[in-house]
N, C-alpha and C. Protein backbone atom coordinates (compact mmCIF):
# COMPACT_ATOMS: atom_id res chain seq x y z
N GLU A 1 4.21 38.23 34.84
CA GLU A 1 3.57 39.03 34.02
C GLU A 1 2.99 38.76 32.70
N ARG A 2 1.80 38.69 31.90
CA ARG A 2 1.20 38.30 31.20
C ARG A 2 1.91 39.07 30.09
N ASN A 3 2.05 38.05 28.49
CA ASN A 3 2.73 38.68 27.62
C ASN A 3 1.76 39.24 26.83
N TRP A 4 1.15 40.63 27.00
CA TRP A 4 0.07 41.30 26.28
C TRP A 4 0.52 41.09 25.03
N LEU A 5 1.86 41.10 24.11
CA LEU A 5 1.79 41.32 22.93
C LEU A 5 1.40 40.20 22.19
N ASP A 6 1.83 38.73 22.77
CA ASP A 6 1.36 37.48 22.18
C ASP A 6 1.59 37.72 20.77
N LEU A 7 3.36 37.76 20.78
CA LEU A 7 4.39 37.63 19.59
C LEU A 7 4.25 36.15 19.23
N SER A 8 4.47 35.92 17.64
CA SER A 8 4.45 34.12 17.69
C SER A 8 6.12 34.19 16.73
N GLY A 9 6.46 35.27 17.21
CA GLY A 9 8.19 35.35 16.24
C GLY A 9 8.43 35.29 14.90
N SER A 10 6.95 35.70 14.07
CA SER A 10 6.89 35.33 12.59
C SER A 10 6.70 36.73 12.60
N GLU A 11 6.44 37.72 13.13
CA GLU A 11 6.04 39.19 12.48
C GLU A 11 6.94 40.23 12.19
N ARG A 12 6.49 41.07 11.02
CA ARG A 12 7.58 41.81 10.76
C ARG A 12 7.01 43.48 10.91
N TYR A 13 8.41 44.19 11.33
CA TYR A 13 7.71 45.45 12.12
C TYR A 13 8.79 46.53 10.82
N TYR A 14 8.10 47.94 10.41
CA TYR A 14 8.73 48.51 9.61
C TYR A 14 9.61 49.88 10.89
N PHE A 15 10.70 49.60 10.92
CA PHE A 15 11.64 50.66 11.48
C PHE A 15 12.31 51.34 10.48
N MET A 16 12.27 52.57 10.76
CA MET A 16 13.25 54.20 9.67
C MET A 16 14.59 54.09 9.89
N HIS A 17 14.41 54.50 11.08
CA HIS A 17 16.22 54.30 12.03
C HIS A 17 16.54 52.73 12.52
N ASP A 18 18.16 53.24 12.75
CA ASP A 18 18.78 52.04 12.95
C ASP A 18 19.27 51.99 14.62
N TYR A 19 18.55 52.96 15.41
CA TYR A 19 19.14 52.83 16.64
C TYR A 19 18.03 52.60 17.94
N GLY A 20 18.50 52.46 18.89
CA GLY A 20 17.99 52.65 19.95
C GLY A 20 18.26 52.13 21.55
N LEU A 21 17.15 52.12 22.47
CA LEU A 21 18.27 51.41 23.48
C LEU A 21 18.80 49.73 23.42
N THR A 22 19.67 50.13 24.16
CA THR A 22 20.33 48.92 23.84
C THR A 22 20.34 47.87 25.52
N ASP A 23 20.03 48.74 26.70
CA ASP A 23 20.23 48.14 27.55
C ASP A 23 18.29 47.49 27.76
N THR A 24 18.69 46.03 27.21
CA THR A 24 17.79 45.24 27.04
C THR A 24 17.26 44.18 28.06
N ASN A 25 17.67 44.54 29.48
CA ASN A 25 18.10 43.73 30.57
C ASN A 25 16.88 44.06 31.59
N SER A 26 16.54 45.60 31.33
CA SER A 26 15.56 46.42 31.81
C SER A 26 13.61 45.88 31.70
N GLY A 27 13.12 45.96 33.25
CA GLY A 27 11.67 45.44 32.98
C GLY A 27 10.83 45.83 32.03
N LEU A 28 11.60 47.43 31.99
CA LEU A 28 10.36 48.24 31.01
C LEU A 28 10.74 47.19 29.40
N VAL A 29 11.83 46.86 28.93
CA VAL A 29 11.53 46.29 27.52
C VAL A 29 10.67 45.09 27.32
N LYS A 30 10.02 45.47 26.64
CA LYS A 30 8.90 43.94 26.17
C LYS A 30 9.35 43.51 24.87
N MET A 31 10.09 43.56 24.13
CA MET A 31 10.17 43.37 22.71
C MET A 31 11.91 43.77 22.12
N THR A 32 12.17 43.13 21.33
CA THR A 32 13.69 43.76 21.37
C THR A 32 13.92 43.05 19.51
N HIS A 33 14.89 43.49 18.79
CA HIS A 33 15.16 43.21 17.49
C HIS A 33 16.77 43.51 17.59
N ALA A 34 16.73 42.80 16.50
CA ALA A 34 18.35 42.63 15.97
C ALA A 34 18.96 43.82 15.89
N ALA A 35 19.98 44.08 16.08
CA ALA A 35 20.39 45.55 16.32
C ALA A 35 22.36 45.61 16.04
N GLY A 36 22.65 44.94 14.76
CA GLY A 36 24.70 45.45 14.77
C GLY A 36 25.03 43.99 15.46
N ASP A 37 25.70 44.10 16.53
CA ASP A 37 26.19 42.56 16.95
C ASP A 37 25.09 42.40 18.08
N GLY A 38 24.21 43.08 18.45
CA GLY A 38 23.51 42.67 19.92
C GLY A 38 21.70 42.82 19.80
N SER A 39 21.06 43.74 20.83
CA SER A 39 20.23 44.18 20.27
C SER A 39 19.28 45.22 21.14
N ALA A 40 18.48 45.44 20.31
CA ALA A 40 18.24 47.00 20.78
C ALA A 40 16.31 46.75 21.28
N ALA A 41 16.05 47.48 21.90
CA ALA A 41 14.33 47.72 22.49
C ALA A 41 13.83 47.98 20.97
N SER A 42 12.71 47.69 21.07
CA SER A 42 11.99 48.02 19.53
C SER A 42 10.30 48.75 20.62
N SER A 43 10.28 47.71 21.76
CA SER A 43 8.77 48.30 22.77
C SER A 43 8.83 48.39 24.21
N VAL A 44 8.50 49.39 24.53
CA VAL A 44 8.91 49.34 26.44
C VAL A 44 7.41 49.52 27.01
N ALA A 45 7.15 49.53 28.09
CA ALA A 45 6.07 49.48 28.66
C ALA A 45 6.08 49.62 30.12
N SER A 46 5.67 50.90 30.69
CA SER A 46 5.33 50.63 32.11
C SER A 46 4.26 51.36 32.57
N GLY A 47 3.55 50.91 33.61
CA GLY A 47 2.04 51.15 33.85
C GLY A 47 1.35 51.07 32.48
N ARG A 48 0.82 52.57 32.40
CA ARG A 48 0.01 53.13 31.15
C ARG A 48 0.33 53.40 30.23
N ILE A 49 2.00 53.09 30.03
CA ILE A 49 2.67 53.75 29.18
C ILE A 49 3.20 52.99 28.05
N ILE A 50 3.07 52.79 26.71
CA ILE A 50 3.75 51.84 26.10
C ILE A 50 4.46 52.81 25.23
N GLY A 51 5.72 52.35 24.47
CA GLY A 51 6.15 53.15 23.43
C GLY A 51 6.79 51.83 22.38
N PHE A 52 6.34 52.20 21.32
CA PHE A 52 7.39 51.95 19.98
C PHE A 52 8.36 52.29 19.39
N GLN A 53 9.66 51.40 19.44
CA GLN A 53 10.58 52.14 18.68
C GLN A 53 10.36 52.13 17.00
N PHE A 54 9.34 51.34 16.32
CA PHE A 54 9.42 51.02 14.99
C PHE A 54 7.79 51.63 14.79
N HIS A 55 7.20 51.96 13.93
CA HIS A 55 6.39 52.24 13.08
C HIS A 55 5.04 51.26 13.29
N PRO A 56 4.51 51.21 13.81
CA PRO A 56 3.61 49.94 13.79
C PRO A 56 2.52 50.20 12.76
N GLU A 57 1.96 52.11 13.37
CA GLU A 57 0.68 52.35 11.64
C GLU A 57 1.70 52.25 10.27
N ARG A 58 2.63 51.90 10.38
CA ARG A 58 3.36 51.13 8.65
C ARG A 58 3.76 49.95 8.44
N SER A 59 3.21 48.84 9.80
CA SER A 59 3.64 47.45 9.51
C SER A 59 2.75 46.44 9.21
N LEU A 60 1.40 46.99 8.44
CA LEU A 60 0.24 46.08 7.93
C LEU A 60 -0.09 45.64 9.08
N ILE A 61 -0.87 44.14 9.20
CA ILE A 61 -1.44 43.69 9.71
C ILE A 61 -0.87 43.14 11.33
N PHE A 62 0.46 43.28 11.24
CA PHE A 62 1.64 43.43 12.42
C PHE A 62 1.25 44.34 13.39
N GLY A 63 0.77 45.33 12.62
CA GLY A 63 0.92 46.52 13.34
C GLY A 63 -0.21 46.98 13.87
N GLN A 64 -1.16 46.22 13.31
CA GLN A 64 -2.30 46.38 13.61
C GLN A 64 -3.19 45.76 14.68
N LYS A 65 -2.14 44.66 14.46
CA LYS A 65 -2.80 43.39 15.73
C LYS A 65 -1.78 43.68 17.42
N ILE A 66 -0.40 44.85 16.87
CA ILE A 66 0.26 45.01 18.43
C ILE A 66 -0.84 46.76 19.07
N LEU A 67 -0.96 47.19 17.79
CA LEU A 67 -1.98 48.70 18.49
C LEU A 67 -3.45 47.98 19.54
N ALA A 68 -3.80 46.99 18.62
CA ALA A 68 -5.05 46.77 19.24
C ALA A 68 -4.98 45.92 20.91
N SER A 69 -3.71 45.30 20.56
CA SER A 69 -3.35 44.69 21.95
C SER A 69 -2.73 45.81 22.96
N ALA A 70 -2.55 46.93 22.39
CA ALA A 70 -1.79 47.83 23.47
C ALA A 70 -3.34 48.65 23.92
N VAL A 71 -3.57 48.78 23.25
CA VAL A 71 -5.42 49.07 23.28
C VAL A 71 -6.13 48.37 24.46
N MET A 72 -6.07 47.52 24.54
CA MET A 72 -6.84 46.13 25.16
C MET A 72 -6.35 46.40 26.29
N GLU A 73 -4.67 46.47 26.18
CA GLU A 73 -4.31 46.30 27.93
C GLU A 73 -4.10 47.80 28.51
N LEU A 74 -4.18 48.98 28.07
CA LEU A 74 -4.37 50.12 28.62
C LEU A 74 -5.85 50.49 28.74
N SER A 75 -7.01 49.46 28.06
CA SER A 75 -8.19 49.93 28.63
C SER A 75 -8.53 49.12 30.10
N LYS A 76 -7.47 48.58 30.38
CA LYS A 76 -7.67 47.26 32.05
C LYS A 76 -7.62 48.07 33.07
C-alpha cells in the first residue's frame, strides 16, 4: 500500500483534544501521535473514507498539504 500521506516526520498538527483510538495495529490507521505512555490514531482511512483526529484546517501548511493529499487520493 502506497503512503499517500508522504510524511517527513517534521510536521506539526493542531489537536484540540487529548483522546483517540489507541488500537494502532489496525490496517485503517495511517498516522499516529504520542498520547500519554503510548500512541493514538490521528488519521484513519478505508477505501474512499478518510478521517482525522486533529484539525487539518488549523494546522497551517502541514494541514493544507495533508488535505490536498487526501483529495488527490480520493479522486483516483
